[in-house]
Amino acid sequence: MSIAELLLFAHVLSAFWYVIGLSAVQMAYVRATQASELGAQASALEEASHFQGVLLVPGAIAIGATGLFYWMKLDYELLRTGFLLALEGLYLATLFFCLPILGMALRRARIAALKAQRAGKTVPELEEALHDGVPLAFGSLATIILVAMTLISVSRPF
């Protein structure tokens, strides 16, 4: 087994890690929005926050690192190859745009859930945060970008 094959294997594993994290965060957030009990909402938001820190963000970073090493090992010029520039742009958009906005929206909802638990009843901030579509919108955008990155990476159109 060559170094390139090992790097490709690590890259695919990190992609699965990222996808699992993205899915887990979105499913936990949906569970929080659908729950009627305050404890279930707070628990689901805590779980989404946990998965964001353990799976989503490290998976996103691992995808970038392993992809960078893989393409370098294949002797592609990272700043002169068209499809790699597209991949890099989409990756940076995900890393610096989608994931931070998703994280801020999740943090807002989690803090509102903690305030509601402290008050012992639902507070308007929690209701507003759970009706906010930002986490699902930017999570979905990150998913769409990942699919586009996969298609570009496999087909290498330019």
Protein backbone atom coordinates (compact mmCIF):
# COMPACT_ATOMS: atom_id res chain seq x y z
CA MET A 1 0.00 0.00 0.00
CA SER A 2 1.44 3.34 -1.05
CA ILE A 3 1.51 6.61 0.84
CA ALA A 4 -1.03 8.09 -1.60
CA GLU A 5 -3.44 5.23 -0.90
CA LEU A 6 -3.03 5.70 2.85
CA LEU A 7 -3.67 9.44 2.49
CA LEU A 8 -6.74 8.77 0.37
CA PHE A 9 -8.01 6.30 3.00
CA ALA A 10 -7.45 8.89 5.75
CA HIS A 11 -9.22 11.51 3.64
CA VAL A 12 -12.25 9.29 3.11
CA LEU A 13 -12.35 8.45 6.83
CA SER A 14 -12.24 12.14 7.73
CA ALA A 15 -15.05 12.80 5.25
CA PHE A 16 -17.16 10.18 7.02
CA TRP A 17 -16.22 11.75 10.37
CA TYR A 18 -17.39 15.14 9.12
CA VAL A 19 -20.62 13.79 7.61
CA ILE A 20 -21.45 11.94 10.82
CA GLY A 21 -20.86 15.12 12.80
CA LEU A 22 -22.94 17.25 10.45
CA SER A 23 -25.77 14.72 10.54
CA ALA A 24 -25.63 14.30 14.31
CA VAL A 25 -25.75 18.06 14.93
CA GLN A 26 -28.67 18.54 12.55
CA MET A 27 -30.64 15.59 13.93
CA ALA A 28 -30.15 16.74 17.52
CA TYR A 29 -31.25 20.26 16.59
CA VAL A 30 -34.37 18.94 14.82
CA ARG A 31 -35.14 16.82 17.88
CA ALA A 32 -34.88 19.97 20.03
CA THR A 33 -37.25 21.89 17.77
CA GLN A 34 -39.80 19.08 17.80
CA ALA A 35 -39.70 18.41 21.54
CA SER A 36 -42.37 19.98 23.68
CA GLU A 37 -40.73 19.37 27.04
CA LEU A 38 -38.08 21.83 28.22
CA GLY A 39 -35.76 19.09 29.51
CA ALA A 40 -35.83 17.27 26.18
CA GLN A 41 -35.09 20.50 24.31
CA ALA A 42 -32.16 21.36 26.56
CA SER A 43 -30.81 17.81 26.34
CA ALA A 44 -31.01 17.77 22.54
CA LEU A 45 -29.30 21.16 22.28
CA GLU A 46 -26.56 19.98 24.65
CA GLU A 47 -26.10 16.91 22.46
CA ALA A 48 -25.89 19.06 19.31
CA SER A 49 -23.25 21.21 20.97
CA HIS A 50 -21.31 18.12 22.01
CA PHE A 51 -21.38 16.63 18.50
CA GLN A 52 -20.32 19.94 17.03
CA GLY A 53 -17.17 19.95 19.17
CA VAL A 54 -16.34 16.26 18.95
CA LEU A 55 -17.30 15.32 15.40
CA LEU A 56 -18.23 18.25 13.17
CA VAL A 57 -15.39 20.72 13.63
CA PRO A 58 -12.55 18.17 13.98
CA GLY A 59 -13.92 16.28 10.95
CA ALA A 60 -13.96 19.47 8.90
CA ILE A 61 -10.38 20.24 9.87
CA ALA A 62 -9.30 16.65 9.15
CA ILE A 63 -10.85 16.79 5.68
CA GLY A 64 -8.80 19.87 4.84
CA ALA A 65 -5.56 18.52 6.20
CA THR A 66 -5.79 15.07 4.64
CA GLY A 67 -7.00 16.49 1.33
CA LEU A 68 -4.12 18.93 1.21
CA PHE A 69 -1.56 16.20 1.84
CA TYR A 70 -3.24 13.83 -0.60
CA TRP A 71 -3.27 16.27 -3.53
CA MET A 72 0.28 17.37 -2.76
CA LYS A 73 1.40 13.74 -2.77
CA LEU A 74 -0.13 13.36 -6.23
CA ASP A 75 2.02 16.32 -7.37
CA TYR A 76 -0.83 18.71 -8.12
CA GLU A 77 -0.08 22.40 -7.87
CA LEU A 78 -2.56 23.62 -5.29
CA LEU A 79 -2.64 27.23 -6.49
CA ARG A 80 -2.62 26.55 -10.24
CA THR A 81 -4.99 23.64 -10.70
CA GLY A 82 -8.53 24.81 -11.45
CA PHE A 83 -10.53 22.10 -9.73
CA LEU A 84 -8.32 22.29 -6.63
CA LEU A 85 -8.88 26.04 -6.43
CA ALA A 86 -12.62 25.38 -6.57
CA LEU A 87 -12.30 22.75 -3.84
CA GLU A 88 -10.23 25.09 -1.69
CA GLY A 89 -12.74 27.91 -2.11
CA LEU A 90 -15.70 25.71 -1.21
CA TYR A 91 -13.82 24.24 1.74
CA LEU A 92 -12.91 27.68 3.08
CA ALA A 93 -16.52 28.84 2.63
CA THR A 94 -17.66 25.89 4.72
CA LEU A 95 -14.97 26.28 7.35
CA PHE A 96 -15.18 30.05 7.78
CA PHE A 97 -18.79 30.79 6.85
CA CYS A 98 -21.21 27.88 7.28
CA LEU A 99 -19.80 26.20 10.38
CA PRO A 100 -19.27 29.37 12.45
CA ILE A 101 -22.79 30.63 11.74
CA LEU A 102 -24.18 27.19 12.55
CA GLY A 103 -22.18 27.19 15.78
CA MET A 104 -23.36 30.65 16.82
CA ALA A 105 -27.00 29.71 16.24
CA LEU A 106 -26.59 26.50 18.24
CA ARG A 107 -24.88 28.37 21.07
CA ARG A 108 -27.68 30.92 21.13
CA ALA A 109 -30.29 28.17 21.42
CA ARG A 110 -28.31 26.29 24.05
CA ILE A 111 -27.87 29.39 26.23
CA ALA A 112 -31.58 30.14 25.90
CA ALA A 113 -32.36 26.55 26.98
CA LEU A 114 -30.10 26.94 30.02
CA LYS A 115 -31.87 30.19 30.94
CA ALA A 116 -35.22 28.46 30.56
CA GLN A 117 -34.11 25.57 32.77
CA ARG A 118 -32.95 28.03 35.41
CA ALA A 119 -36.30 29.85 35.25
CA GLY A 120 -38.16 26.56 35.30
CA LYS A 121 -40.28 27.48 32.27
CA THR A 122 -39.91 28.29 28.61
CA VAL A 123 -38.55 31.76 27.93
CA PRO A 124 -39.18 33.82 24.77
CA GLU A 125 -35.49 33.59 23.77
CA LEU A 126 -35.72 29.80 23.61
CA GLU A 127 -38.90 29.85 21.56
CA GLU A 128 -37.32 32.34 19.19
CA ALA A 129 -34.09 30.34 18.92
CA LEU A 130 -35.91 27.08 18.24
CA HIS A 131 -38.03 28.68 15.52
CA ASP A 132 -34.89 30.08 13.89
CA GLY A 133 -34.00 28.18 10.75
CA VAL A 134 -30.35 29.27 10.68
CA PRO A 135 -28.80 26.03 12.03
CA LEU A 136 -30.68 23.88 9.56
CA ALA A 137 -30.12 26.28 6.67
CA PHE A 138 -26.37 26.50 7.15
CA GLY A 139 -26.09 22.81 7.96
CA SER A 140 -27.92 22.07 4.72
CA LEU A 141 -25.69 24.50 2.85
CA ALA A 142 -22.62 22.73 4.26
CA THR A 143 -24.09 19.41 3.09
CA ILE A 144 -24.72 20.76 -0.41
CA ILE A 145 -21.20 22.18 -0.56
CA LEU A 146 -19.80 18.80 0.50
CA VAL A 147 -21.68 17.08 -2.33
CA ALA A 148 -20.37 19.68 -4.79
CA MET A 149 -16.83 19.19 -3.48
CA THR A 150 -17.16 15.43 -3.92
CA LEU A 151 -18.36 15.81 -7.50
CA ILE A 152 -15.55 18.24 -8.33
CA SER A 153 -12.96 16.02 -6.68
CA VAL A 154 -14.07 12.89 -8.50
CA SER A 155 -14.70 14.40 -11.96
CA ARG A 156 -11.88 17.01 -11.96
CA PRO A 157 -13.70 19.10 -14.60
CA PHE A 158 -11.18 21.92 -14.96
